[in-house]
N, C-alpha and C. Protein backbone atom coordinates (compact mmCIF):
# COMPACT_ATOMS: atom_id res chain seq x y z
N UNK A 1 115.22 -86.40 -37.24
CA UNK A 1 114.95 -87.67 -37.74
C UNK A 1 114.23 -89.16 -36.18
N UNK A 2 114.65 -88.06 -34.85
CA UNK A 2 114.67 -89.34 -33.49
C UNK A 2 113.07 -89.05 -32.99
N UNK A 3 113.52 -87.17 -33.18
CA UNK A 3 111.73 -87.81 -32.92
C UNK A 3 110.52 -87.98 -33.85
N UNK A 4 110.94 -88.11 -35.26
CA UNK A 4 109.61 -89.40 -35.57
C UNK A 4 109.50 -89.95 -35.31
N UNK A 5 111.32 -91.24 -35.44
CA UNK A 5 111.31 -91.89 -34.89
C UNK A 5 110.55 -92.47 -33.62
N UNK A 6 110.33 -91.57 -32.59
CA UNK A 6 110.00 -91.60 -32.00
C UNK A 6 108.68 -91.57 -31.76
N UNK A 7 107.77 -91.10 -31.91
CA UNK A 7 106.29 -91.42 -32.69
C UNK A 7 106.40 -91.59 -32.75
N UNK A 8 106.89 -93.05 -34.13
CA UNK A 8 106.25 -93.61 -34.77
C UNK A 8 106.78 -95.25 -33.50
N UNK A 9 107.38 -94.88 -33.32
CA UNK A 9 107.88 -96.25 -32.68
C UNK A 9 106.09 -95.72 -30.80
N UNK A 10 106.18 -94.68 -30.46
CA UNK A 10 105.00 -94.61 -29.94
C UNK A 10 104.11 -95.27 -30.57
N UNK A 11 103.09 -94.42 -31.72
CA UNK A 11 101.88 -95.10 -32.43
C UNK A 11 102.17 -96.49 -32.37
N UNK A 12 103.16 -96.82 -33.37
CA UNK A 12 102.80 -98.79 -32.97
C UNK A 12 102.85 -99.58 -31.31
N UNK A 13 103.21 -98.95 -30.64
CA UNK A 13 102.57 -99.51 -29.23
C UNK A 13 100.98 -99.37 -28.92
N UNK A 14 101.24 -98.35 -29.33
CA UNK A 14 99.23 -98.05 -28.84
C UNK A 14 98.68 -98.17 -30.11
N UNK A 15 98.68 -98.71 -31.46
CA UNK A 15 97.82 -99.38 -31.97
C UNK A 15 98.60 -100.75 -31.92
N UNK A 16 99.34 -101.74 -31.35
CA UNK A 16 99.29 -103.58 -31.31
C UNK A 16 97.87 -103.02 -30.01
N UNK A 17 98.61 -102.17 -29.72
CA UNK A 17 97.48 -102.66 -28.05
C UNK A 17 96.24 -102.47 -28.00
N UNK A 18 95.22 -101.01 -29.69
CA UNK A 18 94.56 -100.73 -29.53
C UNK A 18 93.46 -101.84 -30.38
N UNK A 19 94.41 -102.47 -31.11
CA UNK A 19 94.09 -103.79 -31.62
C UNK A 19 94.30 -105.14 -31.65
N UNK A 20 94.83 -105.40 -29.99
CA UNK A 20 94.94 -106.18 -29.60
C UNK A 20 94.02 -106.39 -28.61
N UNK A 21 93.41 -104.97 -28.06
CA UNK A 21 91.66 -104.75 -27.31
C UNK A 21 90.97 -104.92 -28.16
N UNK A 22 90.87 -104.82 -29.41
CA UNK A 22 89.60 -104.79 -30.20
C UNK A 22 89.59 -106.04 -30.63
N UNK A 23 90.66 -107.00 -31.23
CA UNK A 23 90.53 -108.41 -30.55
C UNK A 23 89.56 -109.17 -29.83
N UNK A 24 89.86 -108.27 -29.30
CA UNK A 24 89.85 -108.98 -27.71
C UNK A 24 90.35 -109.91 -27.04
N UNK A 25 91.57 -109.93 -27.46
CA UNK A 25 92.83 -110.59 -27.00
C UNK A 25 93.99 -110.49 -25.97
N UNK A 26 93.48 -109.16 -25.42
CA UNK A 26 93.77 -109.40 -23.98
C UNK A 26 93.41 -109.53 -22.84
N UNK A 27 94.53 -110.17 -21.81
CA UNK A 27 93.70 -110.64 -20.29
C UNK A 27 92.73 -109.77 -19.67
N UNK A 28 91.60 -111.00 -19.59
CA UNK A 28 91.03 -110.44 -19.05
C UNK A 28 91.39 -109.37 -17.53
N UNK A 29 91.85 -109.77 -16.71
CA UNK A 29 92.25 -109.49 -15.34
C UNK A 29 92.97 -107.68 -16.11
N UNK A 30 93.04 -106.96 -17.20
CA UNK A 30 93.17 -106.24 -17.39
C UNK A 30 91.93 -105.62 -17.30
N UNK A 31 90.61 -105.65 -17.42
CA UNK A 31 89.56 -105.58 -17.37
C UNK A 31 89.04 -105.01 -18.60
N UNK A 32 88.07 -103.75 -18.29
CA UNK A 32 87.50 -103.79 -19.56
C UNK A 32 87.78 -102.15 -19.93
N UNK A 33 87.84 -101.47 -19.07
CA UNK A 33 88.42 -99.49 -19.08
C UNK A 33 89.73 -99.77 -19.62
N UNK A 34 89.96 -99.11 -21.06
CA UNK A 34 91.12 -99.47 -21.66
C UNK A 34 92.51 -98.74 -21.65
N UNK A 35 92.51 -97.15 -20.83
CA UNK A 35 92.19 -96.33 -20.10
C UNK A 35 93.54 -97.53 -18.78
N UNK A 36 92.90 -97.39 -18.26
CA UNK A 36 93.68 -98.01 -17.19
C UNK A 36 94.10 -99.68 -16.89
N UNK A 37 93.90 -99.90 -18.72
CA UNK A 37 94.79 -101.15 -18.76
C UNK A 37 95.97 -100.98 -19.28
N UNK A 38 96.07 -99.80 -19.87
CA UNK A 38 97.18 -99.05 -20.45
C UNK A 38 97.70 -98.91 -19.58
N UNK A 39 97.50 -98.53 -18.83
CA UNK A 39 98.44 -97.68 -16.73
C UNK A 39 98.65 -99.15 -16.94
N UNK A 40 98.08 -99.63 -16.87
CA UNK A 40 98.72 -101.07 -16.01
C UNK A 40 100.17 -101.91 -16.81
N UNK A 41 100.04 -101.92 -18.04
CA UNK A 41 100.70 -102.96 -19.18
C UNK A 41 102.33 -101.29 -19.01
N UNK A 42 102.39 -100.26 -19.99
CA UNK A 42 102.75 -99.72 -20.63
C UNK A 42 104.43 -99.54 -19.12
N UNK A 43 103.82 -99.83 -17.77
CA UNK A 43 105.21 -99.35 -17.73
C UNK A 43 106.32 -100.60 -16.92
N UNK A 44 105.34 -102.16 -17.63
CA UNK A 44 106.21 -103.47 -18.33
C UNK A 44 107.39 -101.59 -19.28
N UNK A 45 107.04 -101.18 -20.18
CA UNK A 45 107.89 -101.08 -21.36
C UNK A 45 108.94 -99.92 -20.69
N UNK A 46 108.18 -98.93 -19.81
CA UNK A 46 108.24 -96.98 -19.20
C UNK A 46 108.04 -97.31 -18.06
N UNK A 47 109.15 -98.44 -17.15
CA UNK A 47 109.50 -98.21 -15.83
C UNK A 47 109.11 -96.69 -15.11
N UNK A 48 110.18 -95.49 -16.60
CA UNK A 48 110.11 -95.07 -15.83
C UNK A 48 108.88 -93.83 -15.24
N UNK A 49 108.31 -94.02 -16.05
CA UNK A 49 106.67 -94.04 -16.74
C UNK A 49 105.87 -94.08 -15.52
N UNK A 50 106.02 -95.12 -15.15
CA UNK A 50 105.50 -95.77 -13.56
C UNK A 50 104.87 -94.53 -12.66
N UNK A 51 102.99 -94.97 -13.09
CA UNK A 51 102.47 -92.55 -11.89
C UNK A 51 102.97 -93.86 -9.98
N UNK A 52 103.73 -94.90 -10.30
CA UNK A 52 103.95 -95.60 -8.74
C UNK A 52 105.05 -95.32 -8.51
N UNK A 53 106.09 -94.81 -8.99
CA UNK A 53 107.48 -94.42 -8.77
C UNK A 53 107.27 -93.26 -6.99
N UNK A 54 108.07 -93.24 -6.89
CA UNK A 54 108.49 -92.30 -5.84
C UNK A 54 108.54 -90.68 -5.71
N UNK A 55 109.01 -90.91 -6.97
CA UNK A 55 109.37 -89.99 -7.48
C UNK A 55 108.07 -89.32 -8.54
N UNK A 56 107.84 -89.40 -8.60
CA UNK A 56 106.46 -89.45 -10.14
C UNK A 56 105.56 -87.89 -9.73
N UNK A 57 104.86 -87.58 -11.07
CA UNK A 57 104.59 -86.34 -9.92
C UNK A 57 103.05 -86.59 -9.52
N UNK A 58 102.41 -85.69 -8.95
CA UNK A 58 100.53 -86.22 -9.00
C UNK A 58 99.77 -86.00 -10.14
N UNK A 59 99.38 -86.46 -10.30
CA UNK A 59 98.37 -87.13 -11.76
C UNK A 59 98.03 -85.85 -11.63
N UNK A 60 98.10 -85.43 -13.56
CA UNK A 60 97.03 -83.94 -13.78
C UNK A 60 95.53 -84.60 -13.17
N UNK A 61 95.38 -82.97 -12.74
CA UNK A 61 93.57 -83.15 -13.16
C UNK A 61 93.04 -82.10 -14.18
């Protein structure tokens, strides 16, 4: 059950972000690239996933 609730939580976050972006409700300083905007916003909720952590793995290529 935990995997399912985690998946629903993740979907909810992404859906909410996409809805705000589609409605033009995101602040302009986030720019026009949705992936870049998500990379800026998501570490606020999940700091352990931030690519700026000193122990973060290198980005996938």
